[in-house]
């Protein structure tokens, strides 16, 4: 018999969305790559590799590389 309650996957997805919203509260619009790496739980080098490959949403300003906070939040939530 099938249940009408949300599936485990749906619950997990909602928990991730809620958690990602809480993580990003109060953060600036742009994050340094090492800050984004810490949020993602990956090394700084791995974050720079993802940025170079285009898998991490970055913008370059004044020779520095920044991760767009809102786009990082969308990436985590998806």
N, C-alpha and C. Protein backbone atom coordinates (compact mmCIF):
# COMPACT_ATOMS: atom_id res chain seq x y z
N UNK A 1 0.84 -1.18 0.00
CA UNK A 1 0.00 0.00 0.00
C UNK A 1 0.89 1.25 0.00
N UNK A 2 0.56 2.19 -0.82
CA UNK A 2 1.35 3.41 -0.95
C UNK A 2 0.87 4.46 0.04
N UNK A 3 1.80 5.18 0.54
CA UNK A 3 1.50 6.23 1.52
C UNK A 3 1.47 7.58 0.82
N UNK A 4 0.65 8.48 1.33
CA UNK A 4 0.60 9.83 0.76
C UNK A 4 1.58 10.77 1.46
N UNK A 5 2.29 10.26 2.46
CA UNK A 5 3.26 11.10 3.16
C UNK A 5 4.48 11.32 2.26
N UNK A 6 5.23 12.39 2.51
CA UNK A 6 6.41 12.66 1.67
C UNK A 6 7.43 11.53 1.75
N UNK A 7 8.08 11.30 0.65
CA UNK A 7 9.09 10.24 0.60
C UNK A 7 10.34 10.67 1.36
N UNK A 8 11.19 9.71 1.63
CA UNK A 8 12.46 9.98 2.31
C UNK A 8 13.27 10.98 1.49
N UNK A 9 13.30 10.78 0.17
CA UNK A 9 14.06 11.69 -0.70
C UNK A 9 13.52 13.11 -0.60
N UNK A 10 12.20 13.26 -0.63
CA UNK A 10 11.60 14.59 -0.54
C UNK A 10 11.94 15.25 0.79
N UNK A 11 11.92 14.47 1.87
CA UNK A 11 12.29 15.03 3.17
C UNK A 11 13.75 15.46 3.18
N UNK A 12 14.62 14.65 2.62
CA UNK A 12 16.03 14.99 2.56
C UNK A 12 16.24 16.27 1.77
N UNK A 13 15.55 16.40 0.65
CA UNK A 13 15.68 17.59 -0.19
C UNK A 13 15.25 18.84 0.57
N UNK A 14 14.13 18.75 1.28
CA UNK A 14 13.66 19.89 2.07
C UNK A 14 14.64 20.24 3.18
N UNK A 15 15.21 19.22 3.83
CA UNK A 15 16.18 19.47 4.89
C UNK A 15 17.42 20.17 4.34
N UNK A 16 17.87 19.76 3.17
CA UNK A 16 19.04 20.38 2.55
C UNK A 16 18.73 21.83 2.21
N UNK A 17 17.55 22.10 1.66
CA UNK A 17 17.18 23.48 1.32
C UNK A 17 17.14 24.35 2.57
N UNK A 18 16.56 23.83 3.65
CA UNK A 18 16.47 24.59 4.89
C UNK A 18 17.86 24.82 5.48
N UNK A 19 18.67 23.80 5.47
CA UNK A 19 20.02 23.91 6.01
C UNK A 19 20.85 24.90 5.19
N UNK A 20 20.73 24.83 3.86
CA UNK A 20 21.51 25.73 3.03
C UNK A 20 21.08 27.18 3.22
N UNK A 21 19.79 27.41 3.49
CA UNK A 21 19.32 28.76 3.76
C UNK A 21 19.95 29.28 5.05
N UNK A 22 20.00 28.45 6.08
CA UNK A 22 20.57 28.87 7.36
C UNK A 22 22.07 29.15 7.24
N UNK A 23 22.77 28.36 6.48
CA UNK A 23 24.21 28.54 6.32
C UNK A 23 24.52 29.91 5.71
N UNK A 24 23.69 30.36 4.79
CA UNK A 24 23.97 31.56 4.03
C UNK A 24 23.45 32.84 4.67
N UNK A 25 22.71 32.73 5.76
CA UNK A 25 22.21 33.93 6.44
C UNK A 25 23.37 34.81 6.89
N UNK A 26 23.34 36.06 6.50
CA UNK A 26 24.34 37.02 6.95
C UNK A 26 25.65 37.00 6.20
N UNK A 27 25.77 36.19 5.15
CA UNK A 27 27.02 36.17 4.37
C UNK A 27 27.02 37.30 3.35
N UNK A 28 28.20 37.77 2.95
CA UNK A 28 28.27 38.81 1.92
C UNK A 28 27.85 38.26 0.56
N UNK A 29 27.66 39.16 -0.40
CA UNK A 29 27.24 38.74 -1.75
C UNK A 29 28.29 37.89 -2.44
N UNK A 30 29.55 38.17 -2.16
CA UNK A 30 30.65 37.42 -2.76
C UNK A 30 31.50 36.80 -1.65
N UNK A 31 31.94 35.57 -1.89
CA UNK A 31 32.80 34.87 -0.94
C UNK A 31 34.15 34.60 -1.58
N UNK A 32 35.19 34.67 -0.80
CA UNK A 32 36.50 34.24 -1.28
C UNK A 32 36.42 32.72 -1.50
N UNK A 33 37.19 32.22 -2.42
CA UNK A 33 37.16 30.79 -2.74
C UNK A 33 37.42 29.93 -1.50
N UNK A 34 38.37 30.27 -0.64
CA UNK A 34 38.56 29.45 0.57
C UNK A 34 37.33 29.41 1.49
N UNK A 35 36.58 30.52 1.56
CA UNK A 35 35.35 30.52 2.35
C UNK A 35 34.32 29.57 1.74
N UNK A 36 34.17 29.61 0.43
CA UNK A 36 33.24 28.72 -0.25
C UNK A 36 33.66 27.27 -0.07
N UNK A 37 34.96 27.02 -0.10
CA UNK A 37 35.47 25.66 0.11
C UNK A 37 35.08 25.16 1.49
N UNK A 38 35.19 26.02 2.49
CA UNK A 38 34.82 25.62 3.85
C UNK A 38 33.34 25.28 3.95
N UNK A 39 32.49 26.06 3.28
CA UNK A 39 31.05 25.79 3.28
C UNK A 39 30.76 24.46 2.61
N UNK A 40 31.46 24.19 1.51
CA UNK A 40 31.24 22.95 0.76
C UNK A 40 31.91 21.74 1.41
N UNK A 41 32.82 22.00 2.33
CA UNK A 41 33.53 20.90 2.98
C UNK A 41 34.58 20.25 2.08
N UNK A 42 35.19 21.08 1.23
CA UNK A 42 36.23 20.59 0.33
C UNK A 42 37.50 21.41 0.56
N UNK A 43 38.59 20.96 -0.01
CA UNK A 43 39.85 21.69 0.15
C UNK A 43 39.84 22.96 -0.69
N UNK A 44 40.71 23.86 -0.32
CA UNK A 44 40.87 25.11 -1.08
C UNK A 44 41.29 24.81 -2.51
N UNK A 45 42.21 23.86 -2.67
CA UNK A 45 42.69 23.50 -4.01
C UNK A 45 41.55 22.92 -4.85
N UNK A 46 40.73 22.09 -4.25
CA UNK A 46 39.59 21.51 -4.98
C UNK A 46 38.61 22.60 -5.40
N UNK A 47 38.39 23.59 -4.54
CA UNK A 47 37.49 24.68 -4.88
C UNK A 47 38.04 25.49 -6.05
N UNK A 48 39.34 25.74 -6.06
CA UNK A 48 39.93 26.47 -7.18
C UNK A 48 39.85 25.66 -8.48
N UNK A 49 40.00 24.33 -8.38
CA UNK A 49 39.85 23.48 -9.57
C UNK A 49 38.41 23.56 -10.10
N UNK A 50 37.43 23.50 -9.20
CA UNK A 50 36.03 23.61 -9.62
C UNK A 50 35.75 24.98 -10.24
N UNK A 51 36.36 26.02 -9.69
CA UNK A 51 36.19 27.37 -10.24
C UNK A 51 36.79 27.45 -11.64
N UNK A 52 37.98 26.88 -11.81
CA UNK A 52 38.65 26.91 -13.12
C UNK A 52 37.88 26.12 -14.17
N UNK A 53 37.22 25.05 -13.75
CA UNK A 53 36.48 24.22 -14.70
C UNK A 53 35.08 24.78 -14.99
N UNK A 54 34.66 25.79 -14.22
CA UNK A 54 33.35 26.37 -14.43
C UNK A 54 32.25 25.71 -13.62
N UNK A 55 32.59 24.73 -12.80
CA UNK A 55 31.59 24.03 -12.00
C UNK A 55 31.19 24.82 -10.76
N UNK A 56 32.00 25.77 -10.36
CA UNK A 56 31.71 26.64 -9.23
C UNK A 56 31.47 28.04 -9.77
N UNK A 57 30.34 28.68 -9.42
CA UNK A 57 30.00 29.99 -9.98
C UNK A 57 30.89 31.10 -9.42
N UNK A 58 31.79 31.61 -10.25
CA UNK A 58 32.75 32.62 -9.78
C UNK A 58 32.69 33.89 -10.62
N UNK A 59 33.17 34.96 -10.02
CA UNK A 59 33.37 36.24 -10.71
C UNK A 59 34.77 36.71 -10.36
N UNK A 60 35.41 37.36 -11.30
CA UNK A 60 36.76 37.89 -11.07
C UNK A 60 36.67 39.40 -10.93
N UNK A 61 37.24 39.90 -9.85
CA UNK A 61 37.26 41.34 -9.59
C UNK A 61 38.65 41.73 -9.13
N UNK A 62 39.28 42.62 -9.87
CA UNK A 62 40.60 43.10 -9.48
C UNK A 62 41.63 42.00 -9.34
N UNK A 63 41.57 41.01 -10.19
CA UNK A 63 42.53 39.92 -10.15
C UNK A 63 42.22 38.85 -9.12
N UNK A 64 41.17 39.04 -8.35
CA UNK A 64 40.79 38.04 -7.35
C UNK A 64 39.57 37.26 -7.83
N UNK A 65 39.44 36.06 -7.32
CA UNK A 65 38.33 35.19 -7.70
C UNK A 65 37.37 35.08 -6.52
N UNK A 66 36.10 35.35 -6.79
CA UNK A 66 35.06 35.28 -5.76
C UNK A 66 33.95 34.35 -6.21
N UNK A 67 33.32 33.70 -5.25
CA UNK A 67 32.17 32.85 -5.51
C UNK A 67 30.93 33.67 -5.18
N UNK A 68 29.94 33.64 -6.08
CA UNK A 68 28.69 34.36 -5.88
C UNK A 68 27.85 33.57 -4.87
N UNK A 69 27.57 34.17 -3.73
CA UNK A 69 26.89 33.48 -2.64
C UNK A 69 25.53 32.93 -3.07
N UNK A 70 24.72 33.72 -3.75
CA UNK A 70 23.38 33.27 -4.15
C UNK A 70 23.46 32.09 -5.11
N UNK A 71 24.42 32.12 -6.02
CA UNK A 71 24.57 31.01 -6.97
C UNK A 71 25.09 29.76 -6.28
N UNK A 72 25.95 29.93 -5.29
CA UNK A 72 26.44 28.79 -4.51
C UNK A 72 25.28 28.16 -3.74
N UNK A 73 24.41 29.00 -3.20
CA UNK A 73 23.25 28.50 -2.47
C UNK A 73 22.34 27.69 -3.40
N UNK A 74 22.12 28.19 -4.62
CA UNK A 74 21.30 27.45 -5.59
C UNK A 74 21.95 26.14 -5.97
N UNK A 75 23.26 26.14 -6.11
CA UNK A 75 24.00 24.93 -6.47
C UNK A 75 23.83 23.87 -5.39
N UNK A 76 23.92 24.26 -4.14
CA UNK A 76 23.79 23.32 -3.03
C UNK A 76 22.35 22.80 -2.93
N UNK A 77 21.38 23.69 -3.15
CA UNK A 77 19.98 23.30 -3.01
C UNK A 77 19.50 22.41 -4.15
N UNK A 78 20.18 22.46 -5.29
CA UNK A 78 19.71 21.66 -6.43
C UNK A 78 20.19 20.23 -6.39
